[in-house]
């Protein structure tokens, strides 16, 4: 599985609108056969930063970055960003989320 985390530094004037601005891209990505999850969160440290946690099957990452909606994102997103996003992208063993061993709830 490909596990990816991306930090998007959004210009302050677009920060509150970000979920709406990325909705079309998010919906198209979630509809991909190889997508496992695609989840946005707003940073509690920096309200102008959004963190995207996403995962794809081993065969799903390639079609994602070669999709029409990915190309559209590359054209549309820069106008809303304060800087180039930072990314961690790794192919890992696993197929989904596991329970945390260090903390258990009753």
C-alpha atoms as a PDB file:
ATOM      1  CA  UNK A   1       0.000   0.000   0.000  1.00  0.00           C
ATOM      2  CA  UNK A   2       1.140   3.568  -0.648  1.00  0.00           C
ATOM      3  CA  UNK A   3       0.743   5.771   2.430  1.00  0.00           C
ATOM      4  CA  UNK A   4       1.001   9.505   1.797  1.00  0.00           C
ATOM      5  CA  UNK A   5       0.823  12.575   4.033  1.00  0.00           C
ATOM      6  CA  UNK A   6       0.868  16.039   2.474  1.00  0.00           C
ATOM      7  CA  UNK A   7       0.898  19.410   4.258  1.00  0.00           C
ATOM      8  CA  UNK A   8      -0.777  22.177   2.262  1.00  0.00           C
ATOM      9  CA  UNK A   9       0.085  25.764   3.346  1.00  0.00           C
ATOM     10  CA  UNK A  10      -3.036  27.629   2.246  1.00  0.00           C
ATOM     11  CA  UNK A  11      -3.094  31.402   1.792  1.00  0.00           C
ATOM     12  CA  UNK A  12      -4.973  32.907   4.765  1.00  0.00           C
ATOM     13  CA  UNK A  13      -7.717  34.377   2.578  1.00  0.00           C
ATOM     14  CA  UNK A  14      -8.585  30.859   1.297  1.00  0.00           C
ATOM     15  CA  UNK A  15      -8.116  28.821   4.473  1.00  0.00           C
ATOM     16  CA  UNK A  16     -11.774  28.743   5.498  1.00  0.00           C
ATOM     17  CA  UNK A  17     -12.852  27.920   1.928  1.00  0.00           C
ATOM     18  CA  UNK A  18     -10.290  25.124   1.431  1.00  0.00           C
ATOM     19  CA  UNK A  19     -12.662  22.168   1.986  1.00  0.00           C
ATOM     20  CA  UNK A  20     -14.993  23.536  -0.689  1.00  0.00           C
ATOM     21  CA  UNK A  21     -12.113  24.380  -3.047  1.00  0.00           C
ATOM     22  CA  UNK A  22     -10.804  20.797  -2.922  1.00  0.00           C
ATOM     23  CA  UNK A  23     -14.173  19.007  -2.847  1.00  0.00           C
ATOM     24  CA  UNK A  24     -14.232  18.081  -6.548  1.00  0.00           C
ATOM     25  CA  UNK A  25     -10.686  16.683  -6.413  1.00  0.00           C
ATOM     26  CA  UNK A  26     -11.451  14.838  -3.183  1.00  0.00           C
ATOM     27  CA  UNK A  27     -14.631  13.259  -4.553  1.00  0.00           C
ATOM     28  CA  UNK A  28     -12.911  12.176  -7.776  1.00  0.00           C
ATOM     29  CA  UNK A  29     -10.025  10.643  -5.836  1.00  0.00           C
ATOM     30  CA  UNK A  30     -12.332   8.799  -3.442  1.00  0.00           C
ATOM     31  CA  UNK A  31     -14.087   7.286  -6.482  1.00  0.00           C
ATOM     32  CA  UNK A  32     -10.850   5.764  -7.817  1.00  0.00           C
ATOM     33  CA  UNK A  33     -10.662   1.971  -7.665  1.00  0.00           C
ATOM     34  CA  UNK A  34      -7.212   2.048  -6.024  1.00  0.00           C
ATOM     35  CA  UNK A  35      -8.005   4.618  -3.344  1.00  0.00           C
ATOM     36  CA  UNK A  36      -8.168   3.322   0.233  1.00  0.00           C
ATOM     37  CA  UNK A  37      -8.767   6.686   1.950  1.00  0.00           C
ATOM     38  CA  UNK A  38      -8.311  10.397   1.338  1.00  0.00           C
ATOM     39  CA  UNK A  39      -8.832  12.518   4.453  1.00  0.00           C
ATOM     40  CA  UNK A  40      -8.269  16.230   5.042  1.00  0.00           C
ATOM     41  CA  UNK A  41      -7.646  17.732   8.483  1.00  0.00           C
ATOM     42  CA  UNK A  42      -6.950  21.283   9.535  1.00  0.00           C
ATOM     43  CA  UNK A  43      -3.855  21.815  11.651  1.00  0.00           C
ATOM     44  CA  UNK A  44      -4.515  22.849  15.249  1.00  0.00           C
ATOM     45  CA  UNK A  45      -1.110  24.562  15.279  1.00  0.00           C
ATOM     46  CA  UNK A  46      -1.547  26.565  12.061  1.00  0.00           C
ATOM     47  CA  UNK A  47      -5.118  27.310  10.875  1.00  0.00           C
ATOM     48  CA  UNK A  48      -3.765  28.016   7.378  1.00  0.00           C
ATOM     49  CA  UNK A  49      -2.360  24.505   7.005  1.00  0.00           C
ATOM     50  CA  UNK A  50      -4.321  21.462   5.913  1.00  0.00           C
ATOM     51  CA  UNK A  51      -2.960  17.943   6.233  1.00  0.00           C
ATOM     52  CA  UNK A  52      -4.020  15.279   3.762  1.00  0.00           C
ATOM     53  CA  UNK A  53      -3.664  11.623   4.767  1.00  0.00           C
ATOM     54  CA  UNK A  54      -4.200   9.292   1.843  1.00  0.00           C
ATOM     55  CA  UNK A  55      -3.577   5.703   0.860  1.00  0.00           C
ATOM     56  CA  UNK A  56      -3.706   3.705  -2.340  1.00  0.00           C
ATOM     57  CA  UNK A  57      -3.340   0.086  -3.261  1.00  0.00           C
ATOM     58  CA  UNK A  58       0.036  -0.838  -4.730  1.00  0.00           C
ATOM     59  CA  UNK A  59      -1.503  -0.542  -8.189  1.00  0.00           C
ATOM     60  CA  UNK A  60      -3.611   2.532  -7.390  1.00  0.00           C
ATOM     61  CA  UNK A  61      -1.054   5.305  -6.932  1.00  0.00           C
ATOM     62  CA  UNK A  62       0.056   5.390 -10.570  1.00  0.00           C
ATOM     63  CA  UNK A  63      -3.417   5.833 -12.035  1.00  0.00           C
ATOM     64  CA  UNK A  64      -4.122   8.528  -9.428  1.00  0.00           C
ATOM     65  CA  UNK A  65      -1.191  10.752 -10.421  1.00  0.00           C
ATOM     66  CA  UNK A  66      -1.965  10.165 -14.102  1.00  0.00           C
ATOM     67  CA  UNK A  67      -5.675  11.008 -13.807  1.00  0.00           C
ATOM     68  CA  UNK A  68      -7.414  14.004 -15.351  1.00  0.00           C
ATOM     69  CA  UNK A  69      -8.481  15.285 -11.921  1.00  0.00           C
ATOM     70  CA  UNK A  70      -4.859  15.147 -10.699  1.00  0.00           C
ATOM     71  CA  UNK A  71      -3.740  17.226 -13.710  1.00  0.00           C
ATOM     72  CA  UNK A  72      -6.553  19.700 -13.006  1.00  0.00           C
ATOM     73  CA  UNK A  73      -5.451  19.901  -9.360  1.00  0.00           C
ATOM     74  CA  UNK A  74      -1.902  20.713 -10.471  1.00  0.00           C
ATOM     75  CA  UNK A  75      -3.264  23.631 -12.483  1.00  0.00           C
ATOM     76  CA  UNK A  76      -5.850  24.900  -9.977  1.00  0.00           C
ATOM     77  CA  UNK A  77      -4.309  24.522  -6.505  1.00  0.00           C
ATOM     78  CA  UNK A  78      -1.187  26.749  -6.728  1.00  0.00           C
ATOM     79  CA  UNK A  79      -3.229  29.967  -6.758  1.00  0.00           C
ATOM     80  CA  UNK A  80      -4.567  29.091  -3.275  1.00  0.00           C
ATOM     81  CA  UNK A  81      -1.256  28.042  -1.716  1.00  0.00           C
ATOM     82  CA  UNK A  82       1.337  30.104   0.149  1.00  0.00           C
ATOM     83  CA  UNK A  83       4.146  27.638  -0.664  1.00  0.00           C
ATOM     84  CA  UNK A  84       4.813  24.266  -2.234  1.00  0.00           C
ATOM     85  CA  UNK A  85       3.229  21.456  -0.195  1.00  0.00           C
ATOM     86  CA  UNK A  86       5.469  19.103   1.800  1.00  0.00           C
ATOM     87  CA  UNK A  87       4.991  15.355   1.330  1.00  0.00           C
ATOM     88  CA  UNK A  88       5.941  12.007   2.780  1.00  0.00           C
ATOM     89  CA  UNK A  89       5.104   9.148   0.411  1.00  0.00           C
ATOM     90  CA  UNK A  90       6.086   5.556   1.176  1.00  0.00           C
ATOM     91  CA  UNK A  91       5.138   2.115   0.027  1.00  0.00           C
ATOM     92  CA  UNK A  92       4.476   0.129   3.189  1.00  0.00           C
ATOM     93  CA  UNK A  93       3.336  -3.327   4.216  1.00  0.00           C
ATOM     94  CA  UNK A  94      -0.272  -3.427   5.278  1.00  0.00           C
ATOM     95  CA  UNK A  95      -3.734  -2.995   3.931  1.00  0.00           C
ATOM     96  CA  UNK A  96      -5.283  -0.464   6.289  1.00  0.00           C
ATOM     97  CA  UNK A  97      -5.340   0.980   9.778  1.00  0.00           C
ATOM     98  CA  UNK A  98      -4.347  -1.237  12.710  1.00  0.00           C
ATOM     99  CA  UNK A  99      -5.332  -0.767  16.346  1.00  0.00           C
ATOM    100  CA  UNK A 100      -2.752   1.067  18.405  1.00  0.00           C
ATOM    101  CA  UNK A 101      -0.919  -1.398  20.636  1.00  0.00           C
ATOM    102  CA  UNK A 102       0.432   1.231  23.030  1.00  0.00           C
ATOM    103  CA  UNK A 103      -3.019   2.534  23.994  1.00  0.00           C
ATOM    104  CA  UNK A 104      -6.083   0.374  24.458  1.00  0.00           C
ATOM    105  CA  UNK A 105      -9.624   1.437  25.240  1.00  0.00           C
ATOM    106  CA  UNK A 106     -11.707  -0.881  27.402  1.00  0.00           C
END
